[in-house]
Protein backbone atom coordinates (compact mmCIF):
# COMPACT_ATOMS: atom_id res chain seq x y z
CA UNK A 1 -0.14 0.19 0.01
CA UNK A 2 1.28 3.31 -0.86
CA UNK A 3 2.34 6.05 0.96
CA UNK A 4 0.14 9.17 0.62
CA UNK A 5 1.11 12.67 1.98
CA UNK A 6 -1.89 15.15 2.68
CA UNK A 7 -1.34 18.84 3.86
CA UNK A 8 -2.83 19.59 7.06
CA UNK A 9 -5.68 22.13 6.59
CA UNK A 10 -8.43 21.48 9.09
CA UNK A 11 -9.15 21.34 12.61
CA UNK A 12 -9.37 17.38 12.34
CA UNK A 13 -5.69 17.06 10.71
CA UNK A 14 -4.24 19.51 13.30
CA UNK A 15 -5.86 17.08 15.88
CA UNK A 16 -4.38 14.11 13.82
CA UNK A 17 -1.16 15.91 13.77
CA UNK A 18 -0.96 15.73 17.57
CA UNK A 19 -2.71 12.32 18.46
CA UNK A 20 0.09 10.71 16.22
CA UNK A 21 2.90 11.17 18.53
CA UNK A 22 1.27 10.36 21.69
CA UNK A 23 -0.01 7.02 19.74
CA UNK A 24 3.81 6.42 18.50
CA UNK A 25 5.22 6.70 21.78
CA UNK A 26 2.33 5.33 23.56
CA UNK A 27 4.88 2.31 25.00
CA UNK A 28 7.41 4.29 25.76
CA UNK A 29 7.73 5.15 29.28
CA UNK A 30 10.05 8.16 28.90
CA UNK A 31 7.97 10.09 26.29
CA UNK A 32 6.01 13.17 27.55
CA UNK A 33 3.83 14.73 25.21
CA UNK A 34 4.53 18.00 23.86
CA UNK A 35 1.42 20.57 24.92
CA UNK A 36 -0.47 21.07 22.18
CA UNK A 37 -1.19 24.77 22.56
CA UNK A 38 2.57 25.35 23.02
CA UNK A 39 2.84 23.74 19.36
CA UNK A 40 -0.28 25.38 17.91
CA UNK A 41 1.40 28.81 18.90
CA UNK A 42 4.34 28.32 16.78
CA UNK A 43 2.19 27.94 13.67
CA UNK A 44 0.22 30.83 14.63
CA UNK A 45 1.14 33.98 12.44
CA UNK A 46 -0.36 36.13 15.03
CA UNK A 47 1.90 34.61 17.70
CA UNK A 48 4.92 33.88 16.24
CA UNK A 49 7.32 36.67 14.81
CA UNK A 50 9.07 34.22 12.47
CA UNK A 51 5.85 34.83 10.07
CA UNK A 52 7.45 37.90 9.44
CA UNK A 53 9.16 37.32 6.03
CA UNK A 54 8.14 33.42 6.56
CA UNK A 55 5.67 31.15 6.12
CA UNK A 56 5.08 27.34 7.67
CA UNK A 57 3.33 24.36 6.55
CA UNK A 58 2.38 20.67 8.05
CA UNK A 59 1.75 17.89 6.51
CA UNK A 60 0.62 13.95 7.39
CA UNK A 61 1.71 10.51 5.98
CA UNK A 62 -1.32 8.13 5.45
CA UNK A 63 -0.91 4.27 4.62
CA UNK A 64 -4.62 3.48 4.05
CA UNK A 65 -6.84 5.14 6.55
CA UNK A 66 -3.73 5.27 9.25
CA UNK A 67 -1.78 7.77 10.02
CA UNK A 68 2.18 6.98 9.72
CA UNK A 69 3.77 10.01 9.96
CA UNK A 70 3.97 13.84 10.39
CA UNK A 71 6.09 16.69 9.52
CA UNK A 72 6.34 20.51 9.21
CA UNK A 73 8.74 22.86 7.15
CA UNK A 74 8.90 26.34 7.20
CA UNK A 75 11.06 29.25 6.23
CA UNK A 76 12.05 32.98 7.26
CA UNK A 77 13.53 35.28 4.61
CA UNK A 78 14.90 37.69 7.39
CA UNK A 79 16.82 35.38 9.33
CA UNK A 80 17.83 33.29 6.20
CA UNK A 81 16.44 30.05 7.77
CA UNK A 82 14.72 27.02 5.93
CA UNK A 83 13.89 24.15 8.29
CA UNK A 84 11.99 21.00 8.75
CA UNK A 85 10.99 19.63 11.96
CA UNK A 86 7.99 18.34 14.44
CA UNK A 87 8.62 15.17 12.57
CA UNK A 88 7.58 12.07 13.48
CA UNK A 89 7.15 8.47 11.74
CA UNK A 90 7.09 4.84 12.03
CA UNK A 91 9.83 2.72 11.77
CA UNK A 92 9.55 2.90 7.81
CA UNK A 93 11.98 4.15 5.44
CA UNK A 94 9.14 4.54 3.10
CA UNK A 95 7.43 6.77 5.19
CA UNK A 96 10.16 8.82 6.45
CA UNK A 97 11.91 9.70 2.88
CA UNK A 98 8.03 10.60 1.83
CA UNK A 99 8.17 13.06 4.62
CA UNK A 100 11.50 14.48 3.61
CA UNK A 101 10.88 14.76 0.16
CA UNK A 102 7.28 16.80 0.78
CA UNK A 103 9.32 19.44 3.10
CA UNK A 104 12.38 19.49 0.51
CA UNK A 105 9.87 20.19 -2.28
CA UNK A 106 8.36 22.67 -0.81
CA UNK A 107 11.01 24.77 0.02
CA UNK A 108 12.15 24.45 -3.36
CA UNK A 109 8.97 25.73 -4.52
CA UNK A 110 9.74 28.73 -2.36
CA UNK A 111 13.63 29.29 -3.46
CA UNK A 112 15.76 27.33 -1.03
CA UNK A 113 18.41 25.43 -1.12
CA UNK A 114 19.29 23.91 1.62
CA UNK A 115 17.49 22.84 4.90
CA UNK A 116 18.37 22.41 8.66
CA UNK A 117 16.62 19.90 10.46
CA UNK A 118 14.79 18.71 12.72
CA UNK A 119 14.74 22.52 13.83
CA UNK A 120 11.97 25.14 15.46
CA UNK A 121 10.21 27.90 13.35
CA UNK A 122 11.92 30.19 15.64
CA UNK A 123 14.49 30.16 18.63
CA UNK A 124 16.67 27.71 19.13
CA UNK A 125 15.96 27.09 22.88
CA UNK A 126 12.98 24.37 22.16
CA UNK A 127 12.31 21.66 19.78
CA UNK A 128 15.69 21.95 17.77
CA UNK A 129 17.72 18.69 16.96
CA UNK A 130 17.71 15.31 16.96
CA UNK A 131 18.26 12.90 19.79
CA UNK A 132 20.81 10.50 19.42
CA UNK A 133 21.78 9.92 23.06
CA UNK A 134 20.43 9.68 26.26
CA UNK A 135 16.96 8.27 25.75
CA UNK A 136 15.56 8.96 28.87
CA UNK A 137 14.06 12.32 31.43
CA UNK A 138 13.10 14.48 28.29
CA UNK A 139 12.61 17.97 29.64
CA UNK A 140 10.01 20.46 28.44
CA UNK A 141 10.22 21.79 25.13
CA UNK A 142 12.94 19.39 24.23
CA UNK A 143 13.29 17.01 21.04
CA UNK A 144 12.45 13.48 22.03
CA UNK A 145 12.48 10.63 19.24
CA UNK A 146 12.97 6.89 18.48
CA UNK A 147 16.59 6.00 18.22
CA UNK A 148 16.20 4.50 14.67
CA UNK A 149 15.40 8.31 13.54
CA UNK A 150 19.03 8.92 12.94
CA UNK A 151 19.74 6.06 10.54
CA UNK A 152 16.87 7.80 8.03
CA UNK A 153 18.20 11.23 8.40
CA UNK A 154 21.69 10.08 7.56
CA UNK A 155 20.50 7.68 4.77
CA UNK A 156 18.56 10.33 3.35
CA UNK A 157 21.39 12.65 2.97
CA UNK A 158 21.48 14.66 6.13
CA UNK A 159 24.84 15.42 7.23
CA UNK A 160 25.20 16.71 10.99
CA UNK A 161 26.50 20.68 11.70
CA UNK A 162 25.94 20.84 15.19
CA UNK A 163 26.39 18.58 18.19
CA UNK A 164 24.08 20.11 21.00
CA UNK A 165 24.74 18.44 24.87
CA UNK A 166 23.05 18.67 27.47
CA UNK A 167 24.63 18.00 30.86
CA UNK A 168 23.46 17.76 34.38
CA UNK A 169 24.93 19.26 37.70
CA UNK A 170 24.39 18.46 41.05
CA UNK A 171 25.08 20.54 44.15
CA UNK A 172 27.22 18.21 46.17
CA UNK A 173 29.74 17.77 42.76
CA UNK A 174 30.33 21.41 42.76
CA UNK A 175 33.64 22.41 44.27
CA UNK A 176 32.04 25.16 46.63
CA UNK A 177 35.16 26.74 48.22
CA UNK A 178 37.13 27.00 44.93
CA UNK A 179 33.78 28.95 43.48
CA UNK A 180 33.11 31.23 46.61
CA UNK A 181 36.74 32.18 46.66
CA UNK A 182 36.66 33.49 43.23
CA UNK A 183 33.48 35.13 43.62
CA UNK A 184 34.24 36.50 47.08
CA UNK A 185 37.16 38.49 45.14
CA UNK A 186 35.10 39.82 42.46
CA UNK A 187 32.47 41.05 44.91
CA UNK A 188 35.02 42.77 47.07
CA UNK A 189 35.24 44.85 44.24
CA UNK A 190 31.78 46.34 45.56
CA UNK A 191 30.44 47.13 41.63
CA UNK A 192 29.03 43.53 40.93
CA UNK A 193 25.83 42.37 42.01
CA UNK A 194 23.21 39.94 41.45
CA UNK A 195 19.91 40.13 41.58
CA UNK A 196 16.88 37.31 41.18
CA UNK A 197 13.66 38.06 38.79
CA UNK A 198 10.52 39.68 40.71
CA UNK A 199 7.31 39.55 38.95
CA UNK A 200 6.55 42.91 40.53
CA UNK A 201 9.18 44.59 38.85
CA UNK A 202 8.81 42.76 35.57
CA UNK A 203 9.13 46.01 33.16
CA UNK A 204 12.63 46.11 34.75
CA UNK A 205 13.75 42.80 34.21
CA UNK A 206 12.35 42.68 30.58
CA UNK A 207 14.53 45.83 29.77
CA UNK A 208 17.61 44.33 31.53
CA UNK A 209 17.11 40.80 29.61
CA UNK A 210 16.85 42.60 26.41
CA UNK A 211 19.52 44.88 26.59
CA UNK A 212 21.80 41.89 27.78
CA UNK A 213 20.59 39.41 25.07
CA UNK A 214 21.02 41.76 22.12
CA UNK A 215 24.59 42.23 23.19
CA UNK A 216 25.45 38.77 24.17
CA UNK A 217 23.93 36.85 21.00
CA UNK A 218 24.82 39.34 18.10
CA UNK A 219 27.40 37.47 16.50
CA UNK A 220 25.63 33.95 16.48
CA UNK A 221 24.21 32.38 13.34
CA UNK A 222 20.46 33.55 12.66
CA UNK A 223 20.44 36.16 15.08
CA UNK A 224 17.73 38.53 15.44
CA UNK A 225 17.38 41.16 17.82
CA UNK A 226 15.00 40.79 20.57
CA UNK A 227 12.50 44.37 21.40
CA UNK A 228 11.09 44.99 24.71
CA UNK A 229 8.02 44.05 23.64
CA UNK A 230 8.61 40.69 22.18
CA UNK A 231 10.44 39.95 25.94
CA UNK A 232 7.62 41.53 27.70
CA UNK A 233 5.40 38.86 26.17
CA UNK A 234 7.38 35.73 26.45
CA UNK A 235 7.83 36.51 30.19
CA UNK A 236 4.06 37.44 30.93
CA UNK A 237 3.32 33.85 28.75
CA UNK A 238 5.98 32.06 31.66
CA UNK A 239 4.29 33.76 34.34
CA UNK A 240 2.80 30.57 35.57
CA UNK A 241 5.71 28.38 35.59
CA UNK A 242 8.02 31.20 36.90
CA UNK A 243 10.08 30.65 40.19
CA UNK A 244 11.85 33.62 40.85
CA UNK A 245 14.82 32.67 42.48
CA UNK A 246 15.86 30.58 39.60
CA UNK A 247 15.84 33.67 37.33
CA UNK A 248 19.22 35.52 38.02
CA UNK A 249 20.75 38.54 36.59
CA UNK A 250 24.18 40.31 37.20
CA UNK A 251 25.14 44.03 37.33
CA UNK A 252 27.85 46.01 37.03
CA UNK A 253 26.68 49.14 38.95
CA UNK A 254 23.65 49.78 37.55
CA UNK A 255 24.64 48.53 34.14
CA UNK A 256 23.13 44.69 33.39
CA UNK A 257 25.60 42.42 32.26
CA UNK A 258 24.49 38.80 32.15
CA UNK A 259 21.77 36.53 33.29
CA UNK A 260 21.45 32.64 34.17
CA UNK A 261 17.58 31.85 33.91
CA UNK A 262 16.47 28.43 34.97
CA UNK A 263 13.20 27.09 35.04
CA UNK A 264 11.65 24.08 37.00
CA UNK A 265 11.70 20.80 34.88
CA UNK A 266 7.77 20.91 33.86
CA UNK A 267 7.73 17.34 32.66
CA UNK A 268 7.31 16.49 36.00
CA UNK A 269 4.20 17.85 36.12
CA UNK A 270 3.24 17.58 32.05
CA UNK A 271 3.48 13.95 32.08
CA UNK A 272 0.28 14.06 33.86
CA UNK A 273 -1.28 16.06 31.22
CA UNK A 274 -1.68 14.07 28.04
CA UNK A 275 -0.58 17.13 26.07
CA UNK A 276 -3.39 19.43 26.51
CA UNK A 277 -3.45 22.44 28.80
CA UNK A 278 -7.31 22.79 28.02
CA UNK A 279 -9.62 23.84 31.11
CA UNK A 280 -9.20 20.19 32.23
CA UNK A 281 -5.58 20.54 31.31
CA UNK A 282 -4.99 23.65 33.65
CA UNK A 283 -7.06 22.43 36.68
CA UNK A 284 -4.81 19.43 36.52
CA UNK A 285 -1.79 21.57 36.18
CA UNK A 286 -2.62 23.80 39.06
CA UNK A 287 -2.97 20.65 41.45
CA UNK A 288 -0.15 19.11 40.14
CA UNK A 289 2.08 22.15 40.60
CA UNK A 290 1.42 22.20 44.10
CA UNK A 291 1.56 18.38 45.07
CA UNK A 292 4.47 17.16 43.03
CA UNK A 293 8.15 17.85 44.31
CA UNK A 294 10.10 18.98 41.75
CA UNK A 295 13.56 17.21 41.86
CA UNK A 296 15.21 18.96 38.69
CA UNK A 297 15.44 22.75 37.21
CA UNK A 298 16.55 23.40 33.79
CA UNK A 299 19.18 26.14 32.57
CA UNK A 300 17.25 27.75 29.82
CA UNK A 301 19.69 30.64 29.10
CA UNK A 302 22.83 31.60 29.92
CA UNK A 303 24.70 35.17 28.52
CA UNK A 304 27.26 37.37 29.25
CA UNK A 305 27.86 40.64 27.39
CA UNK A 306 31.11 40.58 25.47
CA UNK A 307 33.00 43.22 27.79
CA UNK A 308 32.89 40.81 30.21
CA UNK A 309 33.56 37.50 28.61
CA UNK A 310 37.11 36.73 30.30
CA UNK A 311 36.57 38.20 33.80
CA UNK A 312 34.87 35.09 35.00
CA UNK A 313 31.83 36.89 36.41
CA UNK A 314 29.79 33.91 35.48
CA UNK A 315 30.90 32.45 38.67
CA UNK A 316 28.48 34.92 40.79
CA UNK A 317 25.45 33.65 39.08
CA UNK A 318 26.43 30.09 39.10
CA UNK A 319 27.15 30.65 43.29
CA UNK A 320 23.73 32.14 43.53
CA UNK A 321 21.90 28.89 41.56
CA UNK A 322 23.92 27.07 44.04
CA UNK A 323 22.57 28.25 47.18
CA UNK A 324 18.71 28.18 45.83
CA UNK A 325 19.16 24.61 45.00
CA UNK A 326 21.24 23.95 48.34
CA UNK A 327 18.66 25.55 50.34
CA UNK A 328 15.93 23.42 48.42
CA UNK A 329 15.13 20.10 50.33
CA UNK A 330 13.84 18.62 46.67
CA UNK A 331 15.90 19.80 44.26
CA UNK A 332 18.70 17.32 43.14
CA UNK A 333 20.01 18.57 39.87
CA UNK A 334 20.25 21.36 37.35
CA UNK A 335 20.20 20.57 33.49
CA UNK A 336 22.27 22.58 31.48
CA UNK A 337 20.77 22.40 27.98
CA UNK A 338 21.85 23.19 24.57
CA UNK A 339 25.37 23.61 24.63
CA UNK A 340 26.90 23.58 20.86
CA UNK A 341 30.39 22.12 19.78
CA UNK A 342 31.11 25.29 18.63
CA UNK A 343 30.96 27.14 22.48
CA UNK A 344 34.21 25.36 23.67
CA UNK A 345 34.31 28.25 26.45
CA UNK A 346 30.74 26.83 27.80
CA UNK A 347 31.92 23.15 27.71
CA UNK A 348 34.60 24.07 29.83
CA UNK A 349 32.82 25.82 32.27
CA UNK A 350 30.47 22.64 32.78
CA UNK A 351 33.29 20.67 33.14
CA UNK A 352 34.77 23.15 35.99
CA UNK A 353 30.86 22.39 37.51
CA UNK A 354 31.71 18.29 37.28
CA UNK A 355 28.49 18.12 35.42
CA UNK A 356 27.58 15.10 33.63
CA UNK A 357 26.48 14.54 29.89
CA UNK A 358 23.42 13.45 29.81
CA UNK A 359 21.85 13.62 26.07
CA UNK A 360 22.88 14.54 22.84
CA UNK A 361 21.12 16.16 19.90
CA UNK A 362 22.52 16.44 16.43
CA UNK A 363 21.43 19.61 14.01
CA UNK A 364 21.73 18.51 10.61
CA UNK A 365 21.76 19.70 6.98
CA UNK A 366 20.96 18.95 3.38
CA UNK A 367 21.81 20.76 0.34
CA UNK A 368 20.00 20.29 -2.79
């Protein structure tokens, strides 16, 4: 029976797009379903700025009446990004290649000659990369897939361009005395200070985040500067999951120079929601948010402005997070995610924390 790939054009198709992944991983105890509403916001031009100069499309693969795979493709002419992602399929070369062909053909029609995969239609901090090592404890908005995916990507002609490492650090493994001595010397100068985020002063921290980010990331590929309006929306969306003492900002006098932002491991809650934050899902979320004892946090972004890169100021932020974790009776570890192989300084930092590698994702590219 041949494979037929159809464009998602209706609410029924959208429902099938989400339901297929839950069915595919139903027997996998490690899998935690992505939240449907999170995914839908990515494909909503009113919520995703990547549609400014870009477009996205989704397809579902059928074998007879059975759904056997899904894929999305997208591009943004402003950032010159072209990618495919949100891909899942049964263990079948025919299905995988039919999906790849569909995404590549659509990008060709729109004038592109290469594609990165699997990637997100937006920032790299979520839904980015193919999991190739460490198939357990997936984190919130982190790509998760079966091991067989890798061979089909490679057989189709995709080549690895980035290796992304996720590591986990535990407070008891950190050389507290070493970091404290170094941090004390920095703080003795009297100019450096750290503050954690406060919802009551969100406007101030939104401004400071925007200032730091646009300096720290300006040299990165696909960089698009943040506006305060956009950052403000992101923080407001995060408000229900924010734990103030996990979001740290660093200042030199009154100048914002760095941040280290973490969130609780939301998948420890979302595993009970079956992928939906509808009304019932929100009620369940509030219940489990109060009753589940979170044991892990996830560092989502770490940045220092270039002028302070070689001054070791990151140690102040690390010590603040160390103190938070030591004072919480339930927190056991901090996950440090999405560290590309192009970032040796960050890898060296994690080695100094005695962090252990737990997961590896590959970003692939294909020229056509």
